[in-house]
Amino acid sequence: MDRFSVIPMQKTKKSFAKRFKITGTGKVMRRSPNRRHLLSNKSVKQKRRSGQDKETSKGFSAIVHKALPHSNRT
């Protein structure tokens, strides 16, 4: 067997792995911004909604799936 005939493994983009999570159904979830500082100026509604994860758009989720090759795909 030739040593160059081995198929290389795809690497995970670590910057994507830290920022996005893929659910069991294949949706890509992201964190909401605006939760770090200056919270006294923001309304309670804005702070409450930014505490929840959001789903990314369909076009961008395809990019994330390519960057995370070993994640669940459906």
N, C-alpha and C. Protein backbone atom coordinates (compact mmCIF):
# COMPACT_ATOMS: atom_id res chain seq x y z
N MET A 1 0.85 -1.19 0.00
CA MET A 1 0.00 0.00 0.00
C MET A 1 0.89 1.24 0.00
N ASP A 2 0.56 2.16 -0.88
CA ASP A 2 1.34 3.38 -1.00
C ASP A 2 0.97 4.34 0.13
N ARG A 3 1.94 5.03 0.68
CA ARG A 3 1.67 5.91 1.81
C ARG A 3 0.93 7.18 1.40
N PHE A 4 0.86 7.48 0.11
CA PHE A 4 0.16 8.67 -0.35
C PHE A 4 -1.29 8.38 -0.74
N SER A 5 -1.73 7.14 -0.65
CA SER A 5 -3.09 6.80 -1.06
C SER A 5 -4.10 6.95 0.07
N VAL A 6 -3.67 7.37 1.25
CA VAL A 6 -4.58 7.54 2.37
C VAL A 6 -5.36 8.83 2.19
N ILE A 7 -6.68 8.76 2.40
CA ILE A 7 -7.52 9.94 2.24
C ILE A 7 -7.35 10.83 3.47
N PRO A 8 -7.06 12.12 3.28
CA PRO A 8 -6.87 12.99 4.45
C PRO A 8 -8.19 13.28 5.15
N MET A 9 -8.11 13.44 6.44
CA MET A 9 -9.30 13.73 7.23
C MET A 9 -9.60 15.21 7.18
N GLN A 10 -10.89 15.54 7.10
CA GLN A 10 -11.27 16.94 7.10
C GLN A 10 -11.13 17.50 8.51
N LYS A 11 -10.63 18.72 8.60
CA LYS A 11 -10.44 19.36 9.90
C LYS A 11 -11.65 20.23 10.23
N THR A 12 -11.93 20.31 11.52
CA THR A 12 -12.99 21.17 12.01
C THR A 12 -12.45 22.58 12.18
N LYS A 13 -13.18 23.58 11.68
CA LYS A 13 -12.81 24.97 11.93
C LYS A 13 -13.16 25.29 13.38
N LYS A 14 -12.15 25.48 14.20
CA LYS A 14 -12.37 25.65 15.63
C LYS A 14 -13.10 26.95 15.96
N SER A 15 -12.90 27.98 15.14
CA SER A 15 -13.61 29.23 15.42
C SER A 15 -15.12 29.05 15.24
N PHE A 16 -15.52 28.21 14.28
CA PHE A 16 -16.94 27.92 14.10
C PHE A 16 -17.46 27.02 15.22
N ALA A 17 -16.64 26.07 15.66
CA ALA A 17 -17.06 25.14 16.70
C ALA A 17 -17.32 25.84 18.02
N LYS A 18 -16.61 26.94 18.26
CA LYS A 18 -16.81 27.68 19.51
C LYS A 18 -18.04 28.58 19.45
N ARG A 19 -18.46 28.98 18.26
CA ARG A 19 -19.54 29.95 18.13
C ARG A 19 -20.89 29.36 17.75
N PHE A 20 -20.91 28.17 17.19
CA PHE A 20 -22.16 27.59 16.69
C PHE A 20 -22.34 26.18 17.24
N LYS A 21 -23.60 25.80 17.47
CA LYS A 21 -23.95 24.45 17.88
C LYS A 21 -24.97 23.92 16.89
N ILE A 22 -24.87 22.64 16.59
CA ILE A 22 -25.80 22.00 15.66
C ILE A 22 -26.71 21.08 16.46
N THR A 23 -28.02 21.27 16.29
CA THR A 23 -28.98 20.49 17.05
C THR A 23 -29.11 19.10 16.45
N GLY A 24 -29.88 18.26 17.08
CA GLY A 24 -30.09 16.91 16.60
C GLY A 24 -30.83 16.86 15.28
N THR A 25 -31.63 17.88 14.99
CA THR A 25 -32.37 17.92 13.73
C THR A 25 -31.58 18.62 12.63
N GLY A 26 -30.38 19.12 12.95
CA GLY A 26 -29.54 19.72 11.93
C GLY A 26 -29.59 21.23 11.87
N LYS A 27 -30.37 21.88 12.77
CA LYS A 27 -30.42 23.34 12.77
C LYS A 27 -29.13 23.89 13.39
N VAL A 28 -28.72 25.06 12.93
CA VAL A 28 -27.50 25.70 13.44
C VAL A 28 -27.93 26.83 14.36
N MET A 29 -27.49 26.78 15.62
CA MET A 29 -27.86 27.77 16.61
C MET A 29 -26.65 28.66 16.92
N ARG A 30 -26.94 29.93 17.20
CA ARG A 30 -25.90 30.89 17.54
C ARG A 30 -26.32 31.66 18.79
N ARG A 31 -25.35 32.29 19.43
CA ARG A 31 -25.64 33.12 20.58
C ARG A 31 -26.10 34.50 20.12
N SER A 32 -26.87 35.17 20.95
CA SER A 32 -27.32 36.52 20.64
C SER A 32 -26.30 37.53 21.13
N PRO A 33 -26.13 38.64 20.41
CA PRO A 33 -25.20 39.66 20.87
C PRO A 33 -25.81 40.54 21.95
N ASN A 34 -25.04 41.52 22.42
CA ASN A 34 -25.49 42.57 23.34
C ASN A 34 -25.78 42.08 24.75
N ARG A 35 -25.01 41.12 25.25
CA ARG A 35 -25.21 40.68 26.62
C ARG A 35 -23.96 40.88 27.48
N ARG A 36 -22.99 41.65 27.04
CA ARG A 36 -21.72 41.75 27.75
C ARG A 36 -21.66 42.92 28.72
N HIS A 37 -21.99 44.11 28.24
CA HIS A 37 -21.84 45.30 29.08
C HIS A 37 -22.90 46.32 28.71
N LEU A 38 -22.97 47.39 29.47
CA LEU A 38 -23.98 48.45 29.31
C LEU A 38 -25.40 47.89 29.42
N LEU A 39 -25.60 46.99 30.34
CA LEU A 39 -26.90 46.35 30.47
C LEU A 39 -27.93 47.24 31.16
N SER A 40 -27.48 48.24 31.88
CA SER A 40 -28.44 49.12 32.56
C SER A 40 -29.20 49.98 31.57
N ASN A 41 -28.66 50.21 30.39
CA ASN A 41 -29.34 51.02 29.38
C ASN A 41 -30.33 50.22 28.55
N LYS A 42 -30.27 48.91 28.63
CA LYS A 42 -31.13 48.07 27.79
C LYS A 42 -32.40 47.70 28.55
N SER A 43 -33.47 47.50 27.80
CA SER A 43 -34.73 47.15 28.43
C SER A 43 -34.71 45.70 28.88
N VAL A 44 -35.62 45.35 29.78
CA VAL A 44 -35.71 43.99 30.30
C VAL A 44 -36.08 43.03 29.16
N LYS A 45 -36.94 43.47 28.27
CA LYS A 45 -37.34 42.65 27.14
C LYS A 45 -36.16 42.34 26.23
N GLN A 46 -35.32 43.34 25.96
CA GLN A 46 -34.16 43.13 25.11
C GLN A 46 -33.16 42.18 25.77
N LYS A 47 -32.97 42.32 27.06
CA LYS A 47 -32.03 41.44 27.77
C LYS A 47 -32.55 40.01 27.84
N ARG A 48 -33.85 39.86 28.03
CA ARG A 48 -34.44 38.52 28.10
C ARG A 48 -34.36 37.81 26.76
N ARG A 49 -34.64 38.51 25.69
CA ARG A 49 -34.59 37.88 24.37
C ARG A 49 -33.18 37.59 23.91
N SER A 50 -32.22 38.39 24.36
CA SER A 50 -30.84 38.13 23.96
C SER A 50 -30.23 36.98 24.75
N GLY A 51 -30.91 36.51 25.78
CA GLY A 51 -30.41 35.36 26.52
C GLY A 51 -30.69 34.05 25.83
N GLN A 52 -31.56 34.06 24.83
CA GLN A 52 -31.93 32.84 24.13
C GLN A 52 -31.08 32.68 22.88
N ASP A 53 -30.84 31.43 22.50
CA ASP A 53 -30.10 31.16 21.26
C ASP A 53 -31.01 31.39 20.06
N LYS A 54 -30.41 31.78 18.97
CA LYS A 54 -31.15 32.03 17.74
C LYS A 54 -30.71 31.04 16.66
N GLU A 55 -31.60 30.78 15.74
CA GLU A 55 -31.27 29.92 14.61
C GLU A 55 -30.70 30.78 13.48
N THR A 56 -29.66 30.27 12.81
CA THR A 56 -29.06 31.03 11.71
C THR A 56 -29.90 30.85 10.45
N SER A 57 -29.63 31.69 9.46
CA SER A 57 -30.36 31.61 8.20
C SER A 57 -29.95 30.35 7.44
N LYS A 58 -30.76 29.96 6.49
CA LYS A 58 -30.51 28.72 5.75
C LYS A 58 -29.23 28.81 4.93
N GLY A 59 -28.98 29.97 4.32
CA GLY A 59 -27.78 30.11 3.51
C GLY A 59 -26.50 30.05 4.33
N PHE A 60 -26.54 30.66 5.51
CA PHE A 60 -25.35 30.66 6.34
C PHE A 60 -25.14 29.32 7.02
N SER A 61 -26.23 28.59 7.28
CA SER A 61 -26.08 27.29 7.94
C SER A 61 -25.36 26.29 7.04
N ALA A 62 -25.45 26.45 5.72
CA ALA A 62 -24.70 25.58 4.81
C ALA A 62 -23.20 25.81 4.96
N ILE A 63 -22.79 27.06 5.18
CA ILE A 63 -21.38 27.38 5.40
C ILE A 63 -20.90 26.78 6.70
N VAL A 64 -21.73 26.84 7.73
CA VAL A 64 -21.35 26.29 9.04
C VAL A 64 -21.23 24.77 8.96
N HIS A 65 -22.12 24.14 8.23
CA HIS A 65 -22.05 22.68 8.08
C HIS A 65 -20.76 22.25 7.37
N LYS A 66 -20.29 23.06 6.42
CA LYS A 66 -19.02 22.74 5.76
C LYS A 66 -17.85 22.91 6.71
N ALA A 67 -17.93 23.91 7.58
CA ALA A 67 -16.84 24.17 8.51
C ALA A 67 -16.80 23.16 9.65
N LEU A 68 -17.93 22.51 9.92
CA LEU A 68 -18.02 21.49 10.97
C LEU A 68 -18.34 20.15 10.31
N PRO A 69 -17.36 19.49 9.71
CA PRO A 69 -17.65 18.30 8.90
C PRO A 69 -18.09 17.09 9.72
N HIS A 70 -17.77 17.03 10.99
CA HIS A 70 -18.08 15.84 11.79
C HIS A 70 -19.33 16.03 12.65
N SER A 71 -20.14 17.05 12.34
CA SER A 71 -21.35 17.28 13.11
C SER A 71 -22.50 16.46 12.53
N ASN A 72 -23.64 16.50 13.22
CA ASN A 72 -24.82 15.76 12.77
C ASN A 72 -25.39 16.45 11.54
N ARG A 73 -25.64 15.67 10.51
CA ARG A 73 -26.27 16.20 9.31
C ARG A 73 -27.52 15.39 9.03
N THR A 74 -28.60 16.11 8.71
CA THR A 74 -29.85 15.41 8.36
C THR A 74 -30.34 15.90 7.03
